[in-house]
């Protein structure tokens, strides 16, 4: 009888340890009872490539404009540099649609040496464009002048502020 009880206890222990090692769909459920896709990553404010104002994603731009963000701080983590058409400004964002013009202040070459393909951490302020801003920045049609004028605002930050965190 004691041997039978010992076998039952051993079987229970073995079954409990086996259950703890496997993961079921219910283990993956969040507090809303929704199972996330297997390839999903948690969304955090530190997500690479994310550009935010007040913790909200900037892209896609409302009506293609940045005007709703004027005067507010903008930040980005590991944001790709799309192009560098001039010494004091560059396009940063995931692609040629979802990007912002970044103007480095004061005037002069950045000691950072911003180059296309770099990933930058950024922290600046969204500022309204004046009339003819793209022309003043020497951004021509081939380098996105129409898009810059349509956005009606840009990001300004100290020329020594962007931090290179990698390359694409």
Protein backbone atom coordinates (compact mmCIF):
# COMPACT_ATOMS: atom_id res chain seq x y z
CA UNK A 1 0.00 0.00 0.00
CA UNK A 2 2.79 2.43 0.85
CA UNK A 3 4.45 1.63 -2.48
CA UNK A 4 1.23 2.46 -4.36
CA UNK A 5 0.90 5.80 -2.53
CA UNK A 6 4.53 6.61 -3.34
CA UNK A 7 3.97 5.84 -7.05
CA UNK A 8 0.86 8.08 -7.12
CA UNK A 9 2.71 10.97 -5.43
CA UNK A 10 5.63 10.59 -7.88
CA UNK A 11 3.21 10.57 -10.84
CA UNK A 12 1.53 13.74 -9.54
CA UNK A 13 4.86 15.51 -9.07
CA UNK A 14 5.99 14.47 -12.55
CA UNK A 15 2.73 15.64 -14.10
CA UNK A 16 2.93 19.03 -12.31
CA UNK A 17 6.52 19.65 -13.42
CA UNK A 18 5.62 18.77 -17.02
CA UNK A 19 2.70 21.23 -17.04
CA UNK A 20 4.90 24.07 -15.81
CA UNK A 21 7.33 23.58 -18.70
CA UNK A 22 4.79 23.91 -21.49
CA UNK A 23 3.17 27.13 -22.57
CA UNK A 24 -0.38 27.38 -23.75
CA UNK A 25 -2.17 30.10 -25.67
CA UNK A 26 -3.83 31.17 -22.42
CA UNK A 27 -0.36 31.84 -20.95
CA UNK A 28 0.27 34.33 -23.76
CA UNK A 29 -2.96 36.24 -23.26
CA UNK A 30 -2.82 39.80 -22.01
CA UNK A 31 -5.22 41.25 -19.49
CA UNK A 32 -7.86 41.79 -22.19
CA UNK A 33 -7.87 38.10 -23.08
CA UNK A 34 -6.41 38.76 -26.54
CA UNK A 35 -3.59 36.55 -27.76
CA UNK A 36 -0.89 38.63 -29.51
CA UNK A 37 0.52 37.41 -32.82
CA UNK A 38 3.58 35.19 -32.42
CA UNK A 39 5.86 37.68 -34.20
CA UNK A 40 4.67 40.81 -32.37
CA UNK A 41 7.05 42.89 -30.29
CA UNK A 42 5.94 44.91 -27.31
CA UNK A 43 5.35 48.56 -28.18
CA UNK A 44 7.32 50.87 -25.92
CA UNK A 45 8.41 54.48 -26.05
CA UNK A 46 11.92 53.13 -26.75
CA UNK A 47 11.02 51.40 -30.04
CA UNK A 48 13.74 51.95 -32.63
CA UNK A 49 12.79 54.29 -35.46
CA UNK A 50 9.87 55.77 -33.54
CA UNK A 51 9.41 59.56 -33.72
CA UNK A 52 7.10 61.01 -31.08
CA UNK A 53 5.64 64.22 -29.70
CA UNK A 54 4.11 63.99 -26.22
CA UNK A 55 4.52 60.20 -26.38
CA UNK A 56 2.39 59.94 -29.56
CA UNK A 57 3.68 58.73 -32.89
CA UNK A 58 4.20 61.54 -35.37
CA UNK A 59 3.66 59.35 -38.44
CA UNK A 60 1.58 59.28 -40.47
CA UNK A 61 1.44 63.07 -40.44
CA UNK A 62 -2.06 64.52 -40.13
CA UNK A 63 -2.91 66.02 -43.57
CA UNK A 64 0.80 65.67 -44.42
CA UNK A 65 1.62 68.56 -42.06
CA UNK A 66 3.62 68.97 -38.87
CA UNK A 67 1.70 72.12 -37.87
CA UNK A 68 -0.26 70.43 -35.07
CA UNK A 69 3.08 69.77 -33.32
CA UNK A 70 4.58 73.29 -33.58
CA UNK A 71 6.19 74.43 -30.32
CA UNK A 72 6.33 70.93 -28.88
CA UNK A 73 9.36 68.75 -28.16
CA UNK A 74 9.95 65.93 -30.62
CA UNK A 75 12.08 62.90 -29.85
CA UNK A 76 13.26 59.89 -31.75
CA UNK A 77 15.25 56.77 -31.00
CA UNK A 78 17.44 55.14 -33.66
CA UNK A 79 15.77 57.19 -36.39
CA UNK A 80 17.26 56.53 -39.85
CA UNK A 81 18.83 59.43 -41.76
CA UNK A 82 17.28 59.40 -45.25
CA UNK A 83 19.40 62.08 -46.93
CA UNK A 84 21.68 65.01 -46.14
CA UNK A 85 21.19 67.62 -48.88
CA UNK A 86 22.89 70.43 -46.96
CA UNK A 87 25.34 71.15 -44.16
CA UNK A 88 22.71 72.30 -41.67
CA UNK A 89 19.80 69.99 -42.32
CA UNK A 90 18.75 66.46 -43.19
CA UNK A 91 15.73 64.22 -43.64
CA UNK A 92 15.14 61.66 -40.86
CA UNK A 93 12.48 58.95 -40.72
CA UNK A 94 11.60 55.45 -41.83
CA UNK A 95 11.14 56.27 -45.51
CA UNK A 96 10.66 59.13 -47.97
CA UNK A 97 7.00 59.50 -46.94
CA UNK A 98 7.36 59.26 -43.16
CA UNK A 99 10.21 61.66 -42.52
CA UNK A 100 10.87 65.12 -41.07
CA UNK A 101 13.37 67.84 -41.91
CA UNK A 102 15.87 68.33 -39.09
CA UNK A 103 17.66 71.69 -38.96
CA UNK A 104 20.80 71.93 -36.89
CA UNK A 105 21.42 75.16 -34.95
CA UNK A 106 23.43 77.31 -34.83
CA UNK A 107 24.49 77.41 -38.45
CA UNK A 108 27.59 75.47 -39.34
CA UNK A 109 28.61 71.91 -39.98
CA UNK A 110 27.61 69.43 -37.31
CA UNK A 111 30.47 67.89 -35.38
CA UNK A 112 28.47 64.67 -35.51
CA UNK A 113 28.98 64.28 -39.28
CA UNK A 114 25.44 63.14 -40.11
CA UNK A 115 25.36 60.72 -43.06
CA UNK A 116 22.58 58.82 -44.86
CA UNK A 117 21.96 55.41 -43.32
CA UNK A 118 22.99 56.40 -39.80
CA UNK A 119 20.60 55.80 -36.94
CA UNK A 120 20.27 58.81 -34.63
CA UNK A 121 18.75 59.55 -31.28
CA UNK A 122 17.15 63.00 -31.53
CA UNK A 123 15.52 65.52 -29.21
CA UNK A 124 14.41 68.85 -30.65
CA UNK A 125 11.50 71.24 -31.05
CA UNK A 126 8.98 71.44 -33.88
CA UNK A 127 9.13 74.92 -35.47
CA UNK A 128 6.89 76.46 -38.16
CA UNK A 129 8.47 77.04 -41.58
CA UNK A 130 8.51 80.58 -42.89
CA UNK A 131 7.67 81.39 -46.50
CA UNK A 132 10.15 79.87 -48.95
CA UNK A 133 11.74 77.74 -46.22
CA UNK A 134 12.80 74.92 -48.57
CA UNK A 135 14.58 77.41 -50.85
CA UNK A 136 16.31 79.05 -47.88
CA UNK A 137 17.52 75.62 -46.78
CA UNK A 138 18.72 74.97 -50.34
CA UNK A 139 16.44 71.94 -50.62
CA UNK A 140 15.59 71.51 -54.29
CA UNK A 141 12.83 69.46 -55.94
CA UNK A 142 15.03 66.36 -56.20
CA UNK A 143 15.70 66.50 -52.44
CA UNK A 144 12.11 66.98 -51.24
CA UNK A 145 11.38 70.73 -51.44
CA UNK A 146 7.67 70.13 -52.13
CA UNK A 147 7.34 67.79 -49.15
CA UNK A 148 9.18 70.22 -46.86
CA UNK A 149 6.90 73.09 -47.89
CA UNK A 150 3.81 70.85 -47.51
CA UNK A 151 4.80 69.86 -43.96
CA UNK A 152 4.86 73.58 -43.01
CA UNK A 153 7.18 72.85 -40.06
CA UNK A 154 10.48 71.18 -39.24
CA UNK A 155 12.52 70.07 -36.23
CA UNK A 156 15.29 72.23 -34.79
CA UNK A 157 17.99 70.94 -32.48
CA UNK A 158 21.49 71.94 -31.39
CA UNK A 159 24.05 70.96 -34.03
CA UNK A 160 25.98 68.89 -31.49
CA UNK A 161 22.90 67.07 -30.16
CA UNK A 162 22.15 64.19 -32.57
CA UNK A 163 23.75 61.00 -31.27
CA UNK A 164 24.76 58.28 -33.73
CA UNK A 165 23.60 54.92 -32.35
CA UNK A 166 24.22 52.70 -35.38
CA UNK A 167 23.84 52.31 -39.11
CA UNK A 168 21.25 50.73 -41.31
